[in-house]
Amino acid sequence: MSVFVRCELEAGARRARSPRRETERIARLAQFIELAFPGEDFPFHYSEIEFALRAGGKMIPTMDILIGTHCLCSGEPILTSDEHFQRIPGLSVIRFDRTRPE
């Protein structure tokens, strides 16, 4: 899991109705998933993507650009319900429906 995804999960847990429960759920999940950090070429790729989005008038939140860039650099798709990621050129997006019950 990208370090940026983990940051998003932890931030979301803090805003949840039951922050402690959500933080514990993330900790359980994290036991089975390696935390991945970006490589040295990451800033270059980030800047290309950010520039293309800005130039095209299709900016998305910075954290989404970070996550999308990390996916591209690692050659992995992203599983998301967030439509922002579809704006990142070349990113493989696997959509899921968030409204389905857990």
C-alpha atoms as a PDB file:
ATOM      1  CA  MET A   1       0.000   0.000   0.000  1.00  0.00           C
ATOM      2  CA  SER A   2       1.336   3.424  -0.910  1.00  0.00           C
ATOM      3  CA  VAL A   3       2.421   5.530   2.040  1.00  0.00           C
ATOM      4  CA  PHE A   4       0.061   8.163   0.632  1.00  0.00           C
ATOM      5  CA  VAL A   5      -2.911   5.777   0.791  1.00  0.00           C
ATOM      6  CA  ARG A   6      -2.022   4.936   4.380  1.00  0.00           C
ATOM      7  CA  CYS A   7      -1.946   8.665   5.185  1.00  0.00           C
ATOM      8  CA  GLU A   8      -5.412   9.091   3.660  1.00  0.00           C
ATOM      9  CA  LEU A   9      -6.765   6.134   5.634  1.00  0.00           C
ATOM     10  CA  GLU A  10      -5.321   7.398   8.912  1.00  0.00           C
ATOM     11  CA  ALA A  11      -6.663  10.919   8.315  1.00  0.00           C
ATOM     12  CA  GLY A  12     -10.094   9.497   7.503  1.00  0.00           C
ATOM     13  CA  ALA A  13     -10.036   7.407  10.666  1.00  0.00           C
ATOM     14  CA  ARG A  14      -9.475  10.527  12.755  1.00  0.00           C
ATOM     15  CA  ARG A  15     -12.608  12.084  11.249  1.00  0.00           C
ATOM     16  CA  ALA A  16     -14.774   8.986  11.754  1.00  0.00           C
ATOM     17  CA  ARG A  17     -17.533   8.626  14.325  1.00  0.00           C
ATOM     18  CA  SER A  18     -15.395   6.042  16.096  1.00  0.00           C
ATOM     19  CA  PRO A  19     -11.773   7.066  15.440  1.00  0.00           C
ATOM     20  CA  ARG A  20     -10.300   4.403  17.702  1.00  0.00           C
ATOM     21  CA  ARG A  21     -12.238   1.602  16.005  1.00  0.00           C
ATOM     22  CA  GLU A  22     -11.257   2.835  12.536  1.00  0.00           C
ATOM     23  CA  THR A  23      -7.609   3.229  13.524  1.00  0.00           C
ATOM     24  CA  GLU A  24      -7.618  -0.355  14.840  1.00  0.00           C
ATOM     25  CA  ARG A  25      -9.152  -1.604  11.578  1.00  0.00           C
ATOM     26  CA  ILE A  26      -6.402   0.106   9.593  1.00  0.00           C
ATOM     27  CA  ALA A  27      -3.741  -1.378  11.882  1.00  0.00           C
ATOM     28  CA  ARG A  28      -5.174  -4.886  11.346  1.00  0.00           C
ATOM     29  CA  LEU A  29      -5.204  -4.403   7.580  1.00  0.00           C
ATOM     30  CA  ALA A  30      -1.679  -2.958   7.574  1.00  0.00           C
ATOM     31  CA  GLN A  31      -0.317  -6.154   9.157  1.00  0.00           C
ATOM     32  CA  PHE A  32      -0.858  -7.912   5.841  1.00  0.00           C
ATOM     33  CA  ILE A  33       0.105  -5.189   3.370  1.00  0.00           C
ATOM     34  CA  GLU A  34       3.598  -3.851   2.824  1.00  0.00           C
ATOM     35  CA  LEU A  35       3.963  -0.079   3.017  1.00  0.00           C
ATOM     36  CA  ALA A  36       5.444   1.235  -0.243  1.00  0.00           C
ATOM     37  CA  PHE A  37       7.441   4.442  -0.550  1.00  0.00           C
ATOM     38  CA  PRO A  38       8.060   6.359  -3.774  1.00  0.00           C
ATOM     39  CA  GLY A  39      11.374   6.061  -5.593  1.00  0.00           C
ATOM     40  CA  GLU A  40      13.803   8.778  -6.545  1.00  0.00           C
ATOM     41  CA  ASP A  41      12.109   9.398  -9.902  1.00  0.00           C
ATOM     42  CA  PHE A  42       8.783  10.117  -8.194  1.00  0.00           C
ATOM     43  CA  PRO A  43       9.072  13.947  -8.058  1.00  0.00           C
ATOM     44  CA  PHE A  44       9.718  14.117 -11.799  1.00  0.00           C
ATOM     45  CA  HIS A  45       6.663  11.997 -12.626  1.00  0.00           C
ATOM     46  CA  TYR A  46       4.537  13.897 -10.112  1.00  0.00           C
ATOM     47  CA  SER A  47       5.485  17.208 -11.716  1.00  0.00           C
ATOM     48  CA  GLU A  48       4.608  15.922 -15.196  1.00  0.00           C
ATOM     49  CA  ILE A  49       1.185  14.751 -14.087  1.00  0.00           C
ATOM     50  CA  GLU A  50       0.446  17.868 -12.051  1.00  0.00           C
ATOM     51  CA  PHE A  51       1.480  20.089 -14.974  1.00  0.00           C
ATOM     52  CA  ALA A  52      -0.688  18.141 -17.448  1.00  0.00           C
ATOM     53  CA  LEU A  53      -3.733  18.307 -15.158  1.00  0.00           C
ATOM     54  CA  ARG A  54      -3.266  22.017 -14.488  1.00  0.00           C
ATOM     55  CA  ALA A  55      -2.645  22.830 -18.165  1.00  0.00           C
ATOM     56  CA  GLY A  56      -5.775  20.915 -19.133  1.00  0.00           C
ATOM     57  CA  GLY A  57      -7.864  22.664 -16.476  1.00  0.00           C
ATOM     58  CA  LYS A  58      -8.573  19.318 -14.798  1.00  0.00           C
ATOM     59  CA  MET A  59      -6.838  19.669 -11.426  1.00  0.00           C
ATOM     60  CA  ILE A  60      -7.566  17.165  -8.698  1.00  0.00           C
ATOM     61  CA  PRO A  61      -6.609  17.194  -5.007  1.00  0.00           C
ATOM     62  CA  THR A  62      -2.864  17.021  -4.373  1.00  0.00           C
ATOM     63  CA  MET A  63      -3.126  13.800  -2.369  1.00  0.00           C
ATOM     64  CA  ASP A  64      -4.901  12.146  -5.297  1.00  0.00           C
ATOM     65  CA  ILE A  65      -2.089  13.205  -7.619  1.00  0.00           C
ATOM     66  CA  LEU A  66       0.442  11.749  -5.161  1.00  0.00           C
ATOM     67  CA  ILE A  67      -1.450   8.461  -4.935  1.00  0.00           C
ATOM     68  CA  GLY A  68      -2.008   8.250  -8.687  1.00  0.00           C
ATOM     69  CA  THR A  69       1.627   9.042  -9.429  1.00  0.00           C
ATOM     70  CA  HIS A  70       2.753   6.340  -7.029  1.00  0.00           C
ATOM     71  CA  CYS A  71       0.496   3.819  -8.752  1.00  0.00           C
ATOM     72  CA  LEU A  72       1.864   4.784 -12.162  1.00  0.00           C
ATOM     73  CA  CYS A  73       5.473   4.616 -10.990  1.00  0.00           C
ATOM     74  CA  SER A  74       4.935   1.179  -9.459  1.00  0.00           C
ATOM     75  CA  GLY A  75       2.975  -0.104 -12.464  1.00  0.00           C
ATOM     76  CA  GLU A  76      -0.057  -0.902 -10.327  1.00  0.00           C
ATOM     77  CA  PRO A  77      -3.721  -0.019 -10.922  1.00  0.00           C
ATOM     78  CA  ILE A  78      -5.738   1.875  -8.360  1.00  0.00           C
ATOM     79  CA  LEU A  79      -8.934   0.498  -6.822  1.00  0.00           C
ATOM     80  CA  THR A  80     -11.161   3.460  -6.018  1.00  0.00           C
ATOM     81  CA  SER A  81     -14.630   4.941  -6.028  1.00  0.00           C
ATOM     82  CA  ASP A  82     -13.132   8.399  -6.622  1.00  0.00           C
ATOM     83  CA  GLU A  83     -13.591   9.658 -10.179  1.00  0.00           C
ATOM     84  CA  HIS A  84     -10.635  12.072  -9.889  1.00  0.00           C
ATOM     85  CA  PHE A  85      -8.169   9.317 -10.688  1.00  0.00           C
ATOM     86  CA  GLN A  86      -9.613   8.828 -14.160  1.00  0.00           C
ATOM     87  CA  ARG A  87      -8.133  12.222 -15.088  1.00  0.00           C
ATOM     88  CA  ILE A  88      -4.557  10.978 -14.613  1.00  0.00           C
ATOM     89  CA  PRO A  89      -3.194  10.008 -18.039  1.00  0.00           C
ATOM     90  CA  GLY A  90      -2.103   6.395 -18.281  1.00  0.00           C
ATOM     91  CA  LEU A  91      -3.367   5.356 -14.848  1.00  0.00           C
ATOM     92  CA  SER A  92      -5.254   2.058 -14.745  1.00  0.00           C
ATOM     93  CA  VAL A  93      -8.368   2.650 -12.617  1.00  0.00           C
ATOM     94  CA  ILE A  94     -10.493  -0.142 -11.190  1.00  0.00           C
ATOM     95  CA  ARG A  95     -13.772   1.330  -9.988  1.00  0.00           C
ATOM     96  CA  PHE A  96     -15.875   0.002  -7.153  1.00  0.00           C
ATOM     97  CA  ASP A  97     -19.257   1.040  -5.840  1.00  0.00           C
ATOM     98  CA  ARG A  98     -18.979   2.543  -2.383  1.00  0.00           C
ATOM     99  CA  THR A  99     -22.720   2.312  -1.765  1.00  0.00           C
ATOM    100  CA  ARG A 100     -22.682  -1.470  -1.535  1.00  0.00           C
ATOM    101  CA  PRO A 101     -22.913  -2.811   2.033  1.00  0.00           C
ATOM    102  CA  GLU A 102     -19.701  -4.141   3.637  1.00  0.00           C
END
